[in-house]
N, C-alpha and C. Protein backbone atom coordinates (compact mmCIF):
# COMPACT_ATOMS: atom_id res chain seq x y z
N MET A 1 11.78 -1.16 7.51
CA MET A 1 11.60 -0.54 6.23
C MET A 1 11.58 0.98 6.35
N PHE A 2 10.81 1.50 7.28
CA PHE A 2 10.73 2.95 7.44
C PHE A 2 12.10 3.52 7.81
N GLU A 3 12.83 2.79 8.64
CA GLU A 3 14.17 3.22 9.01
C GLU A 3 15.07 3.29 7.78
N GLN A 4 15.01 2.24 6.95
CA GLN A 4 15.83 2.20 5.73
C GLN A 4 15.47 3.34 4.78
N GLU A 5 14.23 3.76 4.79
CA GLU A 5 13.78 4.85 3.93
C GLU A 5 13.97 6.22 4.60
N ARG A 6 14.56 6.19 5.79
CA ARG A 6 14.82 7.42 6.55
C ARG A 6 13.55 8.21 6.84
N ARG A 7 12.51 7.46 7.15
CA ARG A 7 11.22 8.05 7.52
C ARG A 7 10.78 7.40 8.82
N PRO A 8 10.97 8.07 9.93
CA PRO A 8 10.56 7.46 11.20
C PRO A 8 9.06 7.15 11.18
N LEU A 9 8.69 6.05 11.80
CA LEU A 9 7.29 5.63 11.86
C LEU A 9 6.72 5.93 13.22
N ARG A 10 5.60 6.60 13.22
CA ARG A 10 4.89 6.89 14.47
C ARG A 10 3.76 5.89 14.66
N THR A 11 2.80 5.89 13.75
CA THR A 11 1.71 4.91 13.80
C THR A 11 1.32 4.50 12.39
N LEU A 12 0.93 3.25 12.28
CA LEU A 12 0.47 2.73 10.99
C LEU A 12 -0.59 1.68 11.26
N GLN A 13 -1.75 1.87 10.64
CA GLN A 13 -2.84 0.91 10.79
C GLN A 13 -3.18 0.34 9.43
N TYR A 14 -3.32 -0.98 9.38
CA TYR A 14 -3.79 -1.65 8.18
C TYR A 14 -5.22 -2.09 8.45
N ILE A 15 -6.11 -1.78 7.52
CA ILE A 15 -7.51 -2.17 7.62
C ILE A 15 -7.81 -3.06 6.42
N PHE A 16 -8.14 -4.31 6.70
CA PHE A 16 -8.44 -5.27 5.64
C PHE A 16 -9.94 -5.32 5.47
N CYS A 17 -10.39 -5.16 4.23
CA CYS A 17 -11.82 -4.99 3.98
C CYS A 17 -12.23 -5.66 2.67
N THR A 18 -13.48 -5.45 2.31
CA THR A 18 -14.04 -6.01 1.07
C THR A 18 -13.92 -5.00 -0.07
N ASP A 19 -14.17 -5.48 -1.27
CA ASP A 19 -14.22 -4.59 -2.44
C ASP A 19 -15.22 -3.46 -2.25
N GLU A 20 -16.41 -3.81 -1.77
CA GLU A 20 -17.48 -2.82 -1.63
C GLU A 20 -17.11 -1.73 -0.62
N TYR A 21 -16.50 -2.13 0.48
CA TYR A 21 -16.09 -1.16 1.50
C TYR A 21 -15.05 -0.20 0.93
N LEU A 22 -14.06 -0.75 0.23
CA LEU A 22 -13.01 0.10 -0.32
C LEU A 22 -13.52 0.94 -1.49
N LEU A 23 -14.45 0.42 -2.27
CA LEU A 23 -15.07 1.21 -3.34
C LEU A 23 -15.74 2.45 -2.75
N ARG A 24 -16.43 2.27 -1.65
CA ARG A 24 -17.11 3.40 -1.02
C ARG A 24 -16.10 4.47 -0.56
N ILE A 25 -14.99 4.03 0.01
CA ILE A 25 -13.94 4.97 0.41
C ILE A 25 -13.38 5.68 -0.82
N ASN A 26 -13.17 4.92 -1.88
CA ASN A 26 -12.65 5.49 -3.12
C ASN A 26 -13.60 6.55 -3.67
N GLN A 27 -14.88 6.27 -3.62
CA GLN A 27 -15.88 7.23 -4.10
C GLN A 27 -15.99 8.45 -3.18
N ASP A 28 -16.07 8.21 -1.89
CA ASP A 28 -16.31 9.29 -0.94
C ASP A 28 -15.11 10.22 -0.75
N PHE A 29 -13.92 9.67 -0.72
CA PHE A 29 -12.74 10.47 -0.39
C PHE A 29 -11.91 10.87 -1.60
N LEU A 30 -11.93 10.05 -2.64
CA LEU A 30 -11.07 10.32 -3.81
C LEU A 30 -11.87 10.62 -5.07
N GLN A 31 -13.19 10.51 -5.00
CA GLN A 31 -14.08 10.73 -6.13
C GLN A 31 -13.72 9.83 -7.32
N HIS A 32 -13.30 8.59 -7.00
CA HIS A 32 -13.02 7.58 -8.02
C HIS A 32 -14.10 6.52 -7.93
N ASP A 33 -14.65 6.12 -9.06
CA ASP A 33 -15.73 5.14 -9.06
C ASP A 33 -15.25 3.82 -9.65
N TYR A 34 -14.25 3.22 -9.00
CA TYR A 34 -13.74 1.92 -9.45
C TYR A 34 -13.12 1.18 -8.27
N TYR A 35 -13.02 -0.14 -8.46
CA TYR A 35 -12.40 -0.98 -7.44
C TYR A 35 -10.89 -0.77 -7.47
N THR A 36 -10.30 -0.93 -6.31
CA THR A 36 -8.85 -0.84 -6.19
C THR A 36 -8.41 -1.80 -5.09
N ASP A 37 -7.15 -2.18 -5.09
CA ASP A 37 -6.68 -3.09 -4.06
C ASP A 37 -6.25 -2.38 -2.80
N ILE A 38 -5.88 -1.09 -2.92
CA ILE A 38 -5.33 -0.38 -1.77
C ILE A 38 -5.58 1.11 -1.86
N ILE A 39 -5.83 1.70 -0.71
CA ILE A 39 -5.88 3.16 -0.57
C ILE A 39 -5.09 3.50 0.68
N THR A 40 -4.19 4.46 0.55
CA THR A 40 -3.33 4.86 1.65
C THR A 40 -3.62 6.31 2.01
N PHE A 41 -3.79 6.56 3.30
CA PHE A 41 -3.99 7.91 3.79
C PHE A 41 -2.88 8.27 4.75
N GLN A 42 -2.20 9.36 4.45
CA GLN A 42 -1.27 9.91 5.43
C GLN A 42 -2.10 10.77 6.38
N LEU A 43 -1.96 10.53 7.65
CA LEU A 43 -2.73 11.27 8.64
C LEU A 43 -1.94 12.48 9.11
N GLY A 44 -2.63 13.55 9.39
CA GLY A 44 -1.96 14.75 9.86
C GLY A 44 -1.21 15.44 8.74
N ASP A 45 -0.33 16.33 9.14
CA ASP A 45 0.48 17.07 8.19
C ASP A 45 1.61 16.19 7.68
N GLU A 46 2.47 16.80 6.87
CA GLU A 46 3.66 16.08 6.41
C GLU A 46 4.37 15.47 7.61
N PRO A 47 4.99 14.31 7.43
CA PRO A 47 5.69 13.67 8.55
C PRO A 47 6.70 14.63 9.18
N ASP A 48 6.68 14.66 10.49
CA ASP A 48 7.62 15.53 11.20
C ASP A 48 8.60 14.65 11.97
N THR A 49 9.25 15.21 12.95
CA THR A 49 10.23 14.45 13.71
C THR A 49 9.60 13.30 14.48
N LEU A 50 8.29 13.36 14.73
CA LEU A 50 7.61 12.27 15.41
C LEU A 50 7.36 11.08 14.48
N GLY A 51 7.40 11.32 13.19
CA GLY A 51 7.29 10.24 12.24
C GLY A 51 5.99 10.19 11.47
N VAL A 52 5.97 9.24 10.57
CA VAL A 52 4.85 9.00 9.67
C VAL A 52 3.67 8.43 10.45
N GLU A 53 2.49 8.93 10.12
CA GLU A 53 1.25 8.37 10.65
C GLU A 53 0.36 8.06 9.45
N GLY A 54 -0.19 6.85 9.41
CA GLY A 54 -1.02 6.52 8.26
C GLY A 54 -1.99 5.40 8.49
N GLU A 55 -2.92 5.32 7.55
CA GLU A 55 -3.89 4.23 7.48
C GLU A 55 -3.82 3.66 6.07
N VAL A 56 -3.81 2.34 6.00
CA VAL A 56 -3.76 1.65 4.72
C VAL A 56 -4.95 0.70 4.66
N TYR A 57 -5.82 0.92 3.69
CA TYR A 57 -7.00 0.08 3.48
C TYR A 57 -6.71 -0.87 2.34
N ILE A 58 -6.90 -2.16 2.59
CA ILE A 58 -6.61 -3.19 1.58
C ILE A 58 -7.85 -4.04 1.36
N SER A 59 -8.25 -4.16 0.09
CA SER A 59 -9.36 -5.03 -0.27
C SER A 59 -8.82 -6.46 -0.45
N ILE A 60 -9.24 -7.34 0.43
CA ILE A 60 -8.83 -8.73 0.34
C ILE A 60 -9.42 -9.36 -0.93
N ASP A 61 -10.61 -8.91 -1.34
CA ASP A 61 -11.21 -9.41 -2.59
C ASP A 61 -10.30 -9.12 -3.78
N ARG A 62 -9.79 -7.89 -3.88
CA ARG A 62 -8.90 -7.50 -4.98
C ARG A 62 -7.59 -8.25 -4.92
N VAL A 63 -7.05 -8.40 -3.70
CA VAL A 63 -5.78 -9.12 -3.54
C VAL A 63 -5.94 -10.55 -4.04
N ARG A 64 -7.03 -11.20 -3.69
CA ARG A 64 -7.27 -12.57 -4.15
C ARG A 64 -7.39 -12.63 -5.68
N ASP A 65 -8.17 -11.70 -6.24
CA ASP A 65 -8.33 -11.68 -7.70
C ASP A 65 -7.01 -11.38 -8.42
N ASN A 66 -6.25 -10.42 -7.89
CA ASN A 66 -4.96 -10.09 -8.50
C ASN A 66 -4.01 -11.28 -8.44
N ALA A 67 -3.97 -11.98 -7.31
CA ALA A 67 -3.10 -13.14 -7.17
C ALA A 67 -3.48 -14.22 -8.19
N LYS A 68 -4.77 -14.43 -8.35
CA LYS A 68 -5.24 -15.43 -9.32
C LYS A 68 -4.83 -15.03 -10.74
N THR A 69 -5.04 -13.76 -11.08
CA THR A 69 -4.68 -13.26 -12.41
C THR A 69 -3.18 -13.39 -12.66
N LEU A 70 -2.39 -13.09 -11.63
CA LEU A 70 -0.93 -13.13 -11.77
C LEU A 70 -0.36 -14.54 -11.61
N GLY A 71 -1.19 -15.47 -11.12
CA GLY A 71 -0.74 -16.83 -10.91
C GLY A 71 0.26 -16.96 -9.77
N ILE A 72 0.05 -16.17 -8.73
CA ILE A 72 0.93 -16.22 -7.57
C ILE A 72 0.12 -16.50 -6.31
N PRO A 73 0.77 -16.94 -5.24
CA PRO A 73 0.04 -17.19 -4.00
C PRO A 73 -0.58 -15.90 -3.45
N VAL A 74 -1.74 -16.02 -2.83
CA VAL A 74 -2.43 -14.87 -2.25
C VAL A 74 -1.54 -14.19 -1.21
N GLY A 75 -0.84 -14.98 -0.41
CA GLY A 75 0.03 -14.43 0.61
C GLY A 75 1.12 -13.54 0.05
N LYS A 76 1.68 -13.92 -1.09
CA LYS A 76 2.72 -13.11 -1.72
C LYS A 76 2.15 -11.78 -2.22
N GLU A 77 0.98 -11.83 -2.83
CA GLU A 77 0.35 -10.61 -3.32
C GLU A 77 -0.05 -9.71 -2.15
N LEU A 78 -0.51 -10.30 -1.07
CA LEU A 78 -0.87 -9.52 0.10
C LEU A 78 0.35 -8.79 0.66
N LEU A 79 1.47 -9.48 0.75
CA LEU A 79 2.69 -8.84 1.24
C LEU A 79 3.11 -7.69 0.33
N ARG A 80 3.01 -7.90 -0.98
CA ARG A 80 3.37 -6.84 -1.92
C ARG A 80 2.52 -5.60 -1.69
N VAL A 81 1.22 -5.81 -1.50
CA VAL A 81 0.30 -4.69 -1.30
C VAL A 81 0.57 -4.01 0.05
N ILE A 82 0.89 -4.78 1.06
CA ILE A 82 1.24 -4.21 2.37
C ILE A 82 2.45 -3.29 2.22
N PHE A 83 3.49 -3.76 1.54
CA PHE A 83 4.67 -2.92 1.32
C PHE A 83 4.32 -1.72 0.45
N HIS A 84 3.46 -1.92 -0.54
CA HIS A 84 3.05 -0.83 -1.42
C HIS A 84 2.49 0.34 -0.61
N GLY A 85 1.59 0.04 0.31
CA GLY A 85 1.01 1.09 1.14
C GLY A 85 2.04 1.79 1.99
N ALA A 86 2.94 1.03 2.58
CA ALA A 86 3.99 1.62 3.41
C ALA A 86 4.90 2.51 2.56
N LEU A 87 5.20 2.08 1.35
CA LEU A 87 6.05 2.88 0.46
C LEU A 87 5.37 4.19 0.07
N HIS A 88 4.06 4.17 -0.11
CA HIS A 88 3.34 5.43 -0.36
C HIS A 88 3.59 6.40 0.80
N LEU A 89 3.53 5.89 2.02
CA LEU A 89 3.74 6.74 3.19
C LEU A 89 5.19 7.24 3.29
N CYS A 90 6.09 6.55 2.62
CA CYS A 90 7.49 6.99 2.58
C CYS A 90 7.75 7.96 1.43
N GLY A 91 6.70 8.27 0.67
CA GLY A 91 6.84 9.27 -0.38
C GLY A 91 6.90 8.74 -1.80
N TYR A 92 6.77 7.44 -1.98
CA TYR A 92 6.81 6.87 -3.33
C TYR A 92 5.44 6.97 -3.99
N GLY A 93 5.42 7.31 -5.26
CA GLY A 93 4.19 7.42 -6.01
C GLY A 93 4.05 6.27 -6.99
N ASP A 94 2.92 6.27 -7.71
CA ASP A 94 2.70 5.26 -8.74
C ASP A 94 1.81 5.79 -9.86
N LYS A 95 1.98 7.06 -10.19
CA LYS A 95 1.16 7.68 -11.23
C LYS A 95 1.80 7.60 -12.61
N THR A 96 3.12 7.61 -12.68
CA THR A 96 3.81 7.55 -13.97
C THR A 96 4.49 6.20 -14.12
N GLU A 97 4.89 5.87 -15.35
CA GLU A 97 5.59 4.61 -15.58
C GLU A 97 6.87 4.53 -14.77
N GLU A 98 7.57 5.65 -14.68
CA GLU A 98 8.82 5.70 -13.91
C GLU A 98 8.55 5.45 -12.42
N GLU A 99 7.52 6.07 -11.89
CA GLU A 99 7.16 5.86 -10.49
C GLU A 99 6.74 4.42 -10.22
N VAL A 100 5.97 3.84 -11.14
CA VAL A 100 5.53 2.45 -10.98
C VAL A 100 6.73 1.52 -10.98
N SER A 101 7.66 1.76 -11.88
CA SER A 101 8.86 0.93 -11.96
C SER A 101 9.67 1.01 -10.65
N LEU A 102 9.84 2.21 -10.14
CA LEU A 102 10.56 2.38 -8.88
C LEU A 102 9.81 1.71 -7.73
N MET A 103 8.49 1.89 -7.69
CA MET A 103 7.67 1.29 -6.64
C MET A 103 7.80 -0.23 -6.67
N ARG A 104 7.67 -0.83 -7.86
CA ARG A 104 7.77 -2.30 -7.97
C ARG A 104 9.15 -2.79 -7.51
N GLY A 105 10.17 -2.06 -7.88
CA GLY A 105 11.52 -2.43 -7.44
C GLY A 105 11.66 -2.41 -5.93
N LYS A 106 11.10 -1.37 -5.31
CA LYS A 106 11.14 -1.27 -3.85
C LYS A 106 10.32 -2.37 -3.19
N GLU A 107 9.15 -2.69 -3.76
CA GLU A 107 8.33 -3.77 -3.21
C GLU A 107 9.14 -5.07 -3.20
N GLU A 108 9.76 -5.37 -4.33
CA GLU A 108 10.56 -6.59 -4.45
C GLU A 108 11.75 -6.58 -3.49
N GLU A 109 12.39 -5.43 -3.37
CA GLU A 109 13.54 -5.30 -2.47
C GLU A 109 13.15 -5.68 -1.04
N TYR A 110 12.04 -5.16 -0.56
CA TYR A 110 11.64 -5.45 0.80
C TYR A 110 11.07 -6.85 0.96
N MET A 111 10.43 -7.38 -0.07
CA MET A 111 9.92 -8.74 0.01
C MET A 111 11.07 -9.76 0.07
N ARG A 112 12.17 -9.45 -0.61
CA ARG A 112 13.34 -10.35 -0.57
C ARG A 112 13.96 -10.41 0.83
N LEU A 113 13.74 -9.40 1.64
CA LEU A 113 14.30 -9.38 2.99
C LEU A 113 13.54 -10.28 3.97
N LEU A 114 12.35 -10.70 3.57
CA LEU A 114 11.54 -11.56 4.45
C LEU A 114 12.07 -12.99 4.46
N PRO A 115 12.00 -13.66 5.59
CA PRO A 115 12.46 -15.05 5.64
C PRO A 115 11.53 -15.96 4.83
N GLY A 116 12.13 -17.01 4.29
CA GLY A 116 11.35 -18.03 3.60
C GLY A 116 11.02 -17.65 2.24
C-alpha cells in the first residue's frame, strides 16, 4: 500500500487498546473529550527518504460497536480502520466531506486487494 501511494514505509506500529485508553490519548494529546476508533501519529518530521514512521492506536471496543451498528463483521471493520490509519500516514485527511469520500474510496480499494 505505501509503495502504491509512493510513500516509503520505515516503521509502523499498531496498538490495539480499549475505549478508555484511547479516550485518554485523545484528551491528553488532541484535547478532544470523546471516544474514537482510531488515532494516528506520524513520528518525527515529515516523511523523508527513509520513509514514513508512525503509530496507529485502535480501540477494539469502538471497532466492535461500529461493526455492530453497520451490520458488518468485526474483522472487516478492523481491516478498514487499519487501512484508515495507514492512509492518514500517506497524507489523506478526513475533515471535509470531500476528504472523507476520498478516504473511504481508498479504504475500499485496498480492502478489495485482500484475498478472500
